[in-house]
Protein backbone atom coordinates (compact mmCIF):
# COMPACT_ATOMS: atom_id res chain seq x y z
CA MET A 1 -0.25 -0.11 0.61
CA SER A 2 0.76 3.26 -0.34
CA PHE A 3 2.02 5.50 1.43
CA LEU A 4 -1.23 7.89 0.52
CA GLY A 5 -3.20 5.28 0.71
CA LYS A 6 -2.84 4.56 4.14
CA ILE A 7 -2.83 8.53 5.13
CA THR A 8 -6.42 8.03 3.66
CA GLU A 9 -6.80 4.85 5.12
CA ILE A 10 -6.10 6.52 8.35
CA LEU A 11 -7.97 9.27 8.38
CA ARG A 12 -11.17 6.69 7.40
CA GLU A 13 -11.45 4.66 9.92
CA GLY A 14 -14.04 5.04 12.31
CA LYS A 15 -15.84 6.15 9.00
CA VAL A 16 -18.98 4.83 7.24
CA LEU A 17 -19.56 5.88 3.60
CA ILE A 18 -22.71 6.37 3.12
CA ASP A 19 -24.07 6.51 -0.85
CA THR A 20 -27.86 8.65 -0.49
CA VAL A 21 -30.49 11.40 -2.16
CA LEU A 22 -31.46 13.30 0.50
CA SER A 23 -35.05 15.10 0.26
CA TYR A 24 -34.45 18.66 -0.61
CA ALA A 25 -35.76 19.61 2.97
CA ASP A 26 -32.87 18.13 4.88
CA THR A 27 -30.39 20.27 3.64
CA SER A 28 -28.89 21.09 7.30
CA LYS A 29 -27.81 16.95 7.21
CA ILE A 30 -25.91 18.18 3.90
CA SER A 31 -23.88 20.68 6.12
CA VAL A 32 -23.36 18.19 9.41
CA ILE A 33 -22.04 15.83 6.86
CA ARG A 34 -19.29 18.49 5.42
CA LYS A 35 -18.40 19.84 8.71
CA LYS A 36 -17.66 16.49 10.29
CA GLY A 37 -17.48 14.45 7.54
CA GLN A 38 -15.81 14.04 4.02
CA LEU A 39 -18.03 15.04 0.85
CA LEU A 40 -17.50 12.77 -1.72
CA SER A 41 -20.09 14.00 -4.11
CA GLU A 42 -23.18 16.31 -4.02
CA GLU A 43 -25.56 15.95 -7.06
CA TYR A 44 -28.41 17.85 -7.43
CA GLU A 45 -31.43 15.86 -9.44
CA GLY A 46 -34.89 15.54 -8.92
CA GLU A 47 -36.17 13.95 -6.86
CA GLY A 48 -33.83 15.15 -4.05
CA ILE A 49 -29.59 15.59 -3.20
CA LYS A 50 -27.99 12.83 -4.03
CA VAL A 51 -24.42 12.63 -1.95
CA LYS A 52 -21.56 10.32 -0.89
CA ALA A 53 -19.52 10.98 2.42
CA TYR A 54 -17.45 9.81 4.24
CA VAL A 55 -18.78 10.85 7.71
CA PRO A 56 -17.72 9.63 11.91
CA LYS A 57 -20.35 6.13 12.22
CA ALA A 58 -22.05 7.89 15.46
CA VAL A 59 -23.02 11.77 13.02
CA ALA A 60 -24.53 9.34 10.48
CA GLY A 61 -26.42 7.17 12.87
CA GLN A 62 -27.84 10.90 14.44
CA LEU A 63 -28.51 12.05 11.12
CA GLY A 64 -30.65 8.75 10.27
CA LEU A 65 -29.04 7.59 7.41
CA LEU A 66 -27.52 4.24 8.78
């Protein structure tokens, strides 16, 4: 494993990957994800906002994303 790969693994330890669509009414959750996690992508679609991110497991639970 490369040095960068190892650093990435360490930084993501204890985090879960979420890949979901949030309703437009849940935009406050994206703020929490940005603040507490690592937002990988955010796409605005007809039914809501498609979000892919790594967040601490506890935060994902509090946001109802587990």
